[in-house]
Amino acid sequence: MPTDIELIHNLSRRVIQLEGQVAFLYKHLGIEFVPESAPADDPRIIELIKKGKKLDAIKLHREIYSSGPQDAIAAINEMQGRLGL
């Protein structure tokens, strides 16, 4: 029976392979992946994330949504992952 580390390693390797296959298909088909933003995504926050100003994005999120630090960090991390930034 494989250990947890072996399972994680196997899954990581499989994800990398699948990402490569998807990238190949996009290139072969001549299409580009454009992540969808959620209606609540503020374009100013997205722009800060794109510029690598994560701390500023967190501060702006807190100002706009009156969120606490942990909620703002979680929201920015979720946004980064979902939008591939």
PDB file of N, CA and C in Angstrom:
ATOM      1  N   MET A   1       0.852  -1.188   0.000  1.00  0.00           N
ATOM      2  CA  MET A   1       0.000   0.000   0.000  1.00  0.00           C
ATOM      3  C   MET A   1       0.891   1.242   0.000  1.00  0.00           C
ATOM      4  N   PRO A   2       0.616   2.177  -0.933  1.00  0.00           N
ATOM      5  CA  PRO A   2       1.449   3.378  -1.011  1.00  0.00           C
ATOM      6  C   PRO A   2       1.263   4.283   0.205  1.00  0.00           C
ATOM      7  N   THR A   3       2.333   4.975   0.561  1.00  0.00           N
ATOM      8  CA  THR A   3       2.263   5.927   1.665  1.00  0.00           C
ATOM      9  C   THR A   3       1.600   7.210   1.182  1.00  0.00           C
ATOM     10  N   ASP A   4       1.254   8.066   2.128  1.00  0.00           N
ATOM     11  CA  ASP A   4       0.647   9.346   1.772  1.00  0.00           C
ATOM     12  C   ASP A   4       1.576  10.173   0.882  1.00  0.00           C
ATOM     13  N   ILE A   5       2.851  10.152   1.190  1.00  0.00           N
ATOM     14  CA  ILE A   5       3.817  10.915   0.399  1.00  0.00           C
ATOM     15  C   ILE A   5       3.871  10.380  -1.027  1.00  0.00           C
ATOM     16  N   GLU A   6       3.849   9.082  -1.182  1.00  0.00           N
ATOM     17  CA  GLU A   6       3.858   8.482  -2.522  1.00  0.00           C
ATOM     18  C   GLU A   6       2.595   8.857  -3.292  1.00  0.00           C
ATOM     19  N   LEU A   7       1.460   8.836  -2.617  1.00  0.00           N
ATOM     20  CA  LEU A   7       0.200   9.213  -3.261  1.00  0.00           C
ATOM     21  C   LEU A   7       0.235  10.669  -3.718  1.00  0.00           C
ATOM     22  N   ILE A   8       0.737  11.542  -2.852  1.00  0.00           N
ATOM     23  CA  ILE A   8       0.822  12.962  -3.205  1.00  0.00           C
ATOM     24  C   ILE A   8       1.773  13.153  -4.373  1.00  0.00           C
ATOM     25  N   HIS A   9       2.906  12.466  -4.341  1.00  0.00           N
ATOM     26  CA  HIS A   9       3.878  12.564  -5.437  1.00  0.00           C
ATOM     27  C   HIS A   9       3.243  12.095  -6.751  1.00  0.00           C
ATOM     28  N   ASN A  10       2.534  10.974  -6.717  1.00  0.00           N
ATOM     29  CA  ASN A  10       1.885  10.452  -7.919  1.00  0.00           C
ATOM     30  C   ASN A  10       0.826  11.407  -8.450  1.00  0.00           C
ATOM     31  N   LEU A  11       0.048  11.979  -7.540  1.00  0.00           N
ATOM     32  CA  LEU A  11      -0.989  12.942  -7.951  1.00  0.00           C
ATOM     33  C   LEU A  11      -0.353  14.201  -8.533  1.00  0.00           C
ATOM     34  N   SER A  12       0.720  14.670  -7.911  1.00  0.00           N
ATOM     35  CA  SER A  12       1.411  15.858  -8.427  1.00  0.00           C
ATOM     36  C   SER A  12       1.951  15.600  -9.832  1.00  0.00           C
ATOM     37  N   ARG A  13       2.547  14.447 -10.029  1.00  0.00           N
ATOM     38  CA  ARG A  13       3.075  14.102 -11.348  1.00  0.00           C
ATOM     39  C   ARG A  13       1.945  14.029 -12.371  1.00  0.00           C
ATOM     40  N   ARG A  14       0.824  13.470 -11.982  1.00  0.00           N
ATOM     41  CA  ARG A  14      -0.322  13.352 -12.890  1.00  0.00           C
ATOM     42  C   ARG A  14      -0.889  14.728 -13.249  1.00  0.00           C
ATOM     43  N   VAL A  15      -0.966  15.625 -12.269  1.00  0.00           N
ATOM     44  CA  VAL A  15      -1.455  16.977 -12.523  1.00  0.00           C
ATOM     45  C   VAL A  15      -0.541  17.687 -13.515  1.00  0.00           C
ATOM     46  N   ILE A  16       0.779  17.539 -13.335  1.00  0.00           N
ATOM     47  CA  ILE A  16       1.734  18.158 -14.253  1.00  0.00           C
ATOM     48  C   ILE A  16       1.547  17.612 -15.665  1.00  0.00           C
ATOM     49  N   GLN A  17       1.341  16.308 -15.784  1.00  0.00           N
ATOM     50  CA  GLN A  17       1.109  15.705 -17.102  1.00  0.00           C
ATOM     51  C   GLN A  17      -0.175  16.257 -17.732  1.00  0.00           C
ATOM     52  N   LEU A  18      -1.225  16.337 -16.948  1.00  0.00           N
ATOM     53  CA  LEU A  18      -2.499  16.845 -17.463  1.00  0.00           C
ATOM     54  C   LEU A  18      -2.397  18.311 -17.869  1.00  0.00           C
ATOM     55  N   GLU A  19      -1.674  19.100 -17.090  1.00  0.00           N
ATOM     56  CA  GLU A  19      -1.485  20.506 -17.459  1.00  0.00           C
ATOM     57  C   GLU A  19      -0.757  20.617 -18.793  1.00  0.00           C
ATOM     58  N   GLY A  20       0.236  19.756 -18.996  1.00  0.00           N
ATOM     59  CA  GLY A  20       0.961  19.749 -20.259  1.00  0.00           C
ATOM     60  C   GLY A  20       0.065  19.369 -21.420  1.00  0.00           C
ATOM     61  N   GLN A  21      -0.802  18.391 -21.213  1.00  0.00           N
ATOM     62  CA  GLN A  21      -1.722  17.959 -22.260  1.00  0.00           C
ATOM     63  C   GLN A  21      -2.714  19.066 -22.602  1.00  0.00           C
ATOM     64  N   VAL A  22      -3.214  19.735 -21.593  1.00  0.00           N
ATOM     65  CA  VAL A  22      -4.163  20.827 -21.828  1.00  0.00           C
ATOM     66  C   VAL A  22      -3.473  21.963 -22.583  1.00  0.00           C
ATOM     67  N   ALA A  23      -2.242  22.308 -22.169  1.00  0.00           N
ATOM     68  CA  ALA A  23      -1.499  23.361 -22.862  1.00  0.00           C
ATOM     69  C   ALA A  23      -1.273  22.981 -24.323  1.00  0.00           C
ATOM     70  N   PHE A  24      -0.949  21.711 -24.581  1.00  0.00           N
ATOM     71  CA  PHE A  24      -0.758  21.241 -25.953  1.00  0.00           C
ATOM     72  C   PHE A  24      -2.043  21.403 -26.763  1.00  0.00           C
ATOM     73  N   LEU A  25      -3.169  21.021 -26.172  1.00  0.00           N
ATOM     74  CA  LEU A  25      -4.447  21.129 -26.876  1.00  0.00           C
ATOM     75  C   LEU A  25      -4.792  22.582 -27.188  1.00  0.00           C
ATOM     76  N   TYR A  26      -4.596  23.478 -26.208  1.00  0.00           N
ATOM     77  CA  TYR A  26      -4.860  24.895 -26.456  1.00  0.00           C
ATOM     78  C   TYR A  26      -4.015  25.395 -27.619  1.00  0.00           C
ATOM     79  N   LYS A  27      -2.726  25.056 -27.603  1.00  0.00           N
ATOM     80  CA  LYS A  27      -1.825  25.499 -28.666  1.00  0.00           C
ATOM     81  C   LYS A  27      -2.231  24.886 -30.007  1.00  0.00           C
ATOM     82  N   HIS A  28      -2.517  23.592 -30.011  1.00  0.00           N
ATOM     83  CA  HIS A  28      -2.896  22.893 -31.243  1.00  0.00           C
ATOM     84  C   HIS A  28      -4.187  23.455 -31.838  1.00  0.00           C
ATOM     85  N   LEU A  29      -5.119  23.802 -30.980  1.00  0.00           N
ATOM     86  CA  LEU A  29      -6.408  24.325 -31.444  1.00  0.00           C
ATOM     87  C   LEU A  29      -6.376  25.832 -31.684  1.00  0.00           C
ATOM     88  N   GLY A  30      -5.277  26.476 -31.285  1.00  0.00           N
ATOM     89  CA  GLY A  30      -5.159  27.913 -31.498  1.00  0.00           C
ATOM     90  C   GLY A  30      -6.083  28.732 -30.622  1.00  0.00           C
ATOM     91  N   ILE A  31      -6.322  28.242 -29.413  1.00  0.00           N
ATOM     92  CA  ILE A  31      -7.191  28.985 -28.500  1.00  0.00           C
ATOM     93  C   ILE A  31      -6.413  29.368 -27.252  1.00  0.00           C
ATOM     94  N   GLU A  32      -6.947  30.328 -26.533  1.00  0.00           N
ATOM     95  CA  GLU A  32      -6.309  30.801 -25.317  1.00  0.00           C
ATOM     96  C   GLU A  32      -7.302  30.696 -24.170  1.00  0.00           C
ATOM     97  N   PHE A  33      -6.818  30.241 -23.026  1.00  0.00           N
ATOM     98  CA  PHE A  33      -7.659  30.157 -21.843  1.00  0.00           C
ATOM     99  C   PHE A  33      -7.770  31.540 -21.217  1.00  0.00           C
ATOM    100  N   VAL A  34      -8.988  32.001 -21.016  1.00  0.00           N
ATOM    101  CA  VAL A  34      -9.237  33.281 -20.368  1.00  0.00           C
ATOM    102  C   VAL A  34     -10.092  33.000 -19.141  1.00  0.00           C
ATOM    103  N   PRO A  35      -9.492  33.095 -17.947  1.00  0.00           N
ATOM    104  CA  PRO A  35     -10.262  32.808 -16.735  1.00  0.00           C
ATOM    105  C   PRO A  35     -11.394  33.803 -16.551  1.00  0.00           C
ATOM    106  N   GLU A  36     -12.490  33.301 -16.041  1.00  0.00           N
ATOM    107  CA  GLU A  36     -13.648  34.167 -15.795  1.00  0.00           C
ATOM    108  C   GLU A  36     -13.515  34.825 -14.436  1.00  0.00           C
ATOM    109  N   SER A  37     -13.851  36.085 -14.368  1.00  0.00           N
ATOM    110  CA  SER A  37     -13.873  36.740 -13.068  1.00  0.00           C
ATOM    111  C   SER A  37     -15.292  36.652 -12.527  1.00  0.00           C
ATOM    112  N   ALA A  38     -15.381  36.665 -11.221  1.00  0.00           N
ATOM    113  CA  ALA A  38     -16.692  36.619 -10.565  1.00  0.00           C
ATOM    114  C   ALA A  38     -17.256  38.036 -10.534  1.00  0.00           C
ATOM    115  N   PRO A  39     -18.569  38.163 -10.483  1.00  0.00           N
ATOM    116  CA  PRO A  39     -19.168  39.505 -10.464  1.00  0.00           C
ATOM    117  C   PRO A  39     -18.652  40.379  -9.324  1.00  0.00           C
ATOM    118  N   ALA A  40     -18.257  39.753  -8.215  1.00  0.00           N
ATOM    119  CA  ALA A  40     -17.791  40.531  -7.062  1.00  0.00           C
ATOM    120  C   ALA A  40     -16.315  40.910  -7.160  1.00  0.00           C
ATOM    121  N   ASP A  41     -15.601  40.419  -8.175  1.00  0.00           N
ATOM    122  CA  ASP A  41     -14.183  40.752  -8.317  1.00  0.00           C
ATOM    123  C   ASP A  41     -14.030  42.211  -8.730  1.00  0.00           C
ATOM    124  N   ASP A  42     -13.392  42.971  -7.881  1.00  0.00           N
ATOM    125  CA  ASP A  42     -13.167  44.384  -8.186  1.00  0.00           C
ATOM    126  C   ASP A  42     -11.974  44.485  -9.134  1.00  0.00           C
ATOM    127  N   PRO A  43     -12.131  45.161 -10.258  1.00  0.00           N
ATOM    128  CA  PRO A  43     -11.038  45.259 -11.230  1.00  0.00           C
ATOM    129  C   PRO A  43      -9.780  45.919 -10.651  1.00  0.00           C
ATOM    130  N   ARG A  44      -9.959  46.810  -9.685  1.00  0.00           N
ATOM    131  CA  ARG A  44      -8.789  47.446  -9.057  1.00  0.00           C
ATOM    132  C   ARG A  44      -7.969  46.421  -8.284  1.00  0.00           C
ATOM    133  N   ILE A  45      -8.657  45.489  -7.629  1.00  0.00           N
ATOM    134  CA  ILE A  45      -7.964  44.438  -6.883  1.00  0.00           C
ATOM    135  C   ILE A  45      -7.250  43.503  -7.853  1.00  0.00           C
ATOM    136  N   ILE A  46      -7.910  43.139  -8.927  1.00  0.00           N
ATOM    137  CA  ILE A  46      -7.304  42.265  -9.935  1.00  0.00           C
ATOM    138  C   ILE A  46      -6.050  42.910 -10.501  1.00  0.00           C
ATOM    139  N   GLU A  47      -6.108  44.189 -10.776  1.00  0.00           N
ATOM    140  CA  GLU A  47      -4.953  44.899 -11.341  1.00  0.00           C
ATOM    141  C   GLU A  47      -3.777  44.906 -10.364  1.00  0.00           C
ATOM    142  N   LEU A  48      -4.070  45.107  -9.083  1.00  0.00           N
ATOM    143  CA  LEU A  48      -2.999  45.075  -8.081  1.00  0.00           C
ATOM    144  C   LEU A  48      -2.350  43.694  -8.007  1.00  0.00           C
ATOM    145  N   ILE A  49      -3.175  42.663  -8.070  1.00  0.00           N
ATOM    146  CA  ILE A  49      -2.638  41.297  -8.036  1.00  0.00           C
ATOM    147  C   ILE A  49      -1.754  41.061  -9.255  1.00  0.00           C
ATOM    148  N   LYS A  50      -2.215  41.491 -10.423  1.00  0.00           N
ATOM    149  CA  LYS A  50      -1.429  41.322 -11.652  1.00  0.00           C
ATOM    150  C   LYS A  50      -0.080  42.018 -11.555  1.00  0.00           C
ATOM    151  N   LYS A  51      -0.044  43.159 -10.872  1.00  0.00           N
ATOM    152  CA  LYS A  51       1.197  43.929 -10.730  1.00  0.00           C
ATOM    153  C   LYS A  51       2.098  43.379  -9.619  1.00  0.00           C
ATOM    154  N   GLY A  52       1.623  42.316  -8.940  1.00  0.00           N
ATOM    155  CA  GLY A  52       2.418  41.734  -7.862  1.00  0.00           C
ATOM    156  C   GLY A  52       2.311  42.485  -6.548  1.00  0.00           C
ATOM    157  N   LYS A  53       1.296  43.320  -6.419  1.00  0.00           N
ATOM    158  CA  LYS A  53       1.104  44.118  -5.207  1.00  0.00           C
ATOM    159  C   LYS A  53       0.022  43.476  -4.339  1.00  0.00           C
ATOM    160  N   LYS A  54       0.334  42.288  -3.857  1.00  0.00           N
ATOM    161  CA  LYS A  54      -0.642  41.508  -3.096  1.00  0.00           C
ATOM    162  C   LYS A  54      -1.052  42.218  -1.803  1.00  0.00           C
ATOM    163  N   LEU A  55      -0.084  42.800  -1.106  1.00  0.00           N
ATOM    164  CA  LEU A  55      -0.401  43.493   0.138  1.00  0.00           C
ATOM    165  C   LEU A  55      -1.357  44.659  -0.111  1.00  0.00           C
ATOM    166  N   ASP A  56      -1.117  45.404  -1.184  1.00  0.00           N
ATOM    167  CA  ASP A  56      -2.029  46.501  -1.535  1.00  0.00           C
ATOM    168  C   ASP A  56      -3.414  45.975  -1.906  1.00  0.00           C
ATOM    169  N   ALA A  57      -3.451  44.819  -2.573  1.00  0.00           N
ATOM    170  CA  ALA A  57      -4.735  44.201  -2.930  1.00  0.00           C
ATOM    171  C   ALA A  57      -5.493  43.805  -1.671  1.00  0.00           C
ATOM    172  N   ILE A  58      -4.780  43.279  -0.688  1.00  0.00           N
ATOM    173  CA  ILE A  58      -5.418  42.893   0.579  1.00  0.00           C
ATOM    174  C   ILE A  58      -5.963  44.133   1.289  1.00  0.00           C
ATOM    175  N   LYS A  59      -5.153  45.191   1.321  1.00  0.00           N
ATOM    176  CA  LYS A  59      -5.601  46.443   1.967  1.00  0.00           C
ATOM    177  C   LYS A  59      -6.845  46.993   1.273  1.00  0.00           C
ATOM    178  N   LEU A  60      -6.829  46.993  -0.060  1.00  0.00           N
ATOM    179  CA  LEU A  60      -7.979  47.513  -0.794  1.00  0.00           C
ATOM    180  C   LEU A  60      -9.210  46.649  -0.559  1.00  0.00           C
ATOM    181  N   HIS A  61      -9.026  45.346  -0.520  1.00  0.00           N
ATOM    182  CA  HIS A  61     -10.152  44.437  -0.241  1.00  0.00           C
ATOM    183  C   HIS A  61     -10.752  44.757   1.119  1.00  0.00           C
ATOM    184  N   ARG A  62      -9.903  44.986   2.098  1.00  0.00           N
ATOM    185  CA  ARG A  62     -10.387  45.305   3.447  1.00  0.00           C
ATOM    186  C   ARG A  62     -11.177  46.607   3.450  1.00  0.00           C
ATOM    187  N   GLU A  63     -10.702  47.593   2.679  1.00  0.00           N
ATOM    188  CA  GLU A  63     -11.404  48.882   2.611  1.00  0.00           C
ATOM    189  C   GLU A  63     -12.761  48.742   1.927  1.00  0.00           C
ATOM    190  N   ILE A  64     -12.779  48.038   0.797  1.00  0.00           N
ATOM    191  CA  ILE A  64     -14.006  47.927   0.017  1.00  0.00           C
ATOM    192  C   ILE A  64     -15.069  47.108   0.731  1.00  0.00           C
ATOM    193  N   TYR A  65     -14.642  45.955   1.285  1.00  0.00           N
ATOM    194  CA  TYR A  65     -15.608  45.002   1.835  1.00  0.00           C
ATOM    195  C   TYR A  65     -15.662  44.995   3.360  1.00  0.00           C
ATOM    196  N   SER A  66     -14.914  45.880   4.004  1.00  0.00           N
ATOM    197  CA  SER A  66     -14.852  45.938   5.475  1.00  0.00           C
ATOM    198  C   SER A  66     -14.552  44.554   6.062  1.00  0.00           C
ATOM    199  N   SER A  67     -13.613  43.865   5.438  1.00  0.00           N
ATOM    200  CA  SER A  67     -13.279  42.514   5.878  1.00  0.00           C
ATOM    201  C   SER A  67     -12.089  42.549   6.829  1.00  0.00           C
ATOM    202  N   GLY A  68     -11.987  41.488   7.611  1.00  0.00           N
ATOM    203  CA  GLY A  68     -10.846  41.343   8.501  1.00  0.00           C
ATOM    204  C   GLY A  68      -9.628  40.879   7.717  1.00  0.00           C
ATOM    205  N   PRO A  69      -8.466  40.901   8.351  1.00  0.00           N
ATOM    206  CA  PRO A  69      -7.240  40.532   7.635  1.00  0.00           C
ATOM    207  C   PRO A  69      -7.262  39.101   7.082  1.00  0.00           C
ATOM    208  N   GLN A  70      -7.714  38.158   7.874  1.00  0.00           N
ATOM    209  CA  GLN A  70      -7.723  36.763   7.415  1.00  0.00           C
ATOM    210  C   GLN A  70      -8.698  36.555   6.265  1.00  0.00           C
ATOM    211  N   ASP A  71      -9.862  37.181   6.349  1.00  0.00           N
ATOM    212  CA  ASP A  71     -10.842  37.056   5.269  1.00  0.00           C
ATOM    213  C   ASP A  71     -10.319  37.684   3.975  1.00  0.00           C
ATOM    214  N   ALA A  72      -9.652  38.826   4.102  1.00  0.00           N
ATOM    215  CA  ALA A  72      -9.110  39.494   2.923  1.00  0.00           C
ATOM    216  C   ALA A  72      -8.005  38.664   2.285  1.00  0.00           C
ATOM    217  N   ILE A  73      -7.127  38.104   3.097  1.00  0.00           N
ATOM    218  CA  ILE A  73      -6.048  37.254   2.579  1.00  0.00           C
ATOM    219  C   ILE A  73      -6.629  36.046   1.862  1.00  0.00           C
ATOM    220  N   ALA A  74      -7.621  35.413   2.492  1.00  0.00           N
ATOM    221  CA  ALA A  74      -8.256  34.233   1.874  1.00  0.00           C
ATOM    222  C   ALA A  74      -8.917  34.611   0.551  1.00  0.00           C
ATOM    223  N   ALA A  75      -9.577  35.757   0.512  1.00  0.00           N
ATOM    224  CA  ALA A  75     -10.253  36.196  -0.710  1.00  0.00           C
ATOM    225  C   ALA A  75      -9.252  36.463  -1.829  1.00  0.00           C
ATOM    226  N   ILE A  76      -8.144  37.111  -1.496  1.00  0.00           N
ATOM    227  CA  ILE A  76      -7.124  37.418  -2.505  1.00  0.00           C
ATOM    228  C   ILE A  76      -6.476  36.126  -2.998  1.00  0.00           C
ATOM    229  N   ASN A  77      -6.174  35.216  -2.094  1.00  0.00           N
ATOM    230  CA  ASN A  77      -5.590  33.930  -2.501  1.00  0.00           C
ATOM    231  C   ASN A  77      -6.541  33.148  -3.403  1.00  0.00           C
ATOM    232  N   GLU A  78      -7.826  33.170  -3.066  1.00  0.00           N
ATOM    233  CA  GLU A  78      -8.827  32.479  -3.885  1.00  0.00           C
ATOM    234  C   GLU A  78      -8.896  33.111  -5.268  1.00  0.00           C
ATOM    235  N   MET A  79      -8.878  34.435  -5.300  1.00  0.00           N
ATOM    236  CA  MET A  79      -8.957  35.155  -6.562  1.00  0.00           C
ATOM    237  C   MET A  79      -7.728  34.845  -7.424  1.00  0.00           C
ATOM    238  N   GLN A  80      -6.555  34.839  -6.809  1.00  0.00           N
ATOM    239  CA  GLN A  80      -5.326  34.508  -7.544  1.00  0.00           C
ATOM    240  C   GLN A  80      -5.414  33.120  -8.157  1.00  0.00           C
ATOM    241  N   GLY A  81      -5.862  32.161  -7.366  1.00  0.00           N
ATOM    242  CA  GLY A  81      -5.960  30.795  -7.868  1.00  0.00           C
ATOM    243  C   GLY A  81      -6.989  30.635  -8.959  1.00  0.00           C
ATOM    244  N   ARG A  82      -8.140  31.229  -8.758  1.00  0.00           N
ATOM    245  CA  ARG A  82      -9.230  31.098  -9.727  1.00  0.00           C
ATOM    246  C   ARG A  82      -8.899  31.776 -11.044  1.00  0.00           C
ATOM    247  N   LEU A  83      -8.219  32.925 -10.969  1.00  0.00           N
ATOM    248  CA  LEU A  83      -7.909  33.666 -12.186  1.00  0.00           C
ATOM    249  C   LEU A  83      -6.538  33.318 -12.761  1.00  0.00           C
ATOM    250  N   GLY A  84      -5.809  32.470 -12.049  1.00  0.00           N
ATOM    251  CA  GLY A  84      -4.498  32.069 -12.532  1.00  0.00           C
ATOM    252  C   GLY A  84      -3.487  33.203 -12.538  1.00  0.00           C
ATOM    253  N   LEU A  85      -3.563  34.047 -11.524  1.00  0.00           N
ATOM    254  CA  LEU A  85      -2.661  35.212 -11.469  1.00  0.00           C
ATOM    255  C   LEU A  85      -1.477  34.933 -10.560  1.00  0.00           C
TER     256      LEU A  85
END
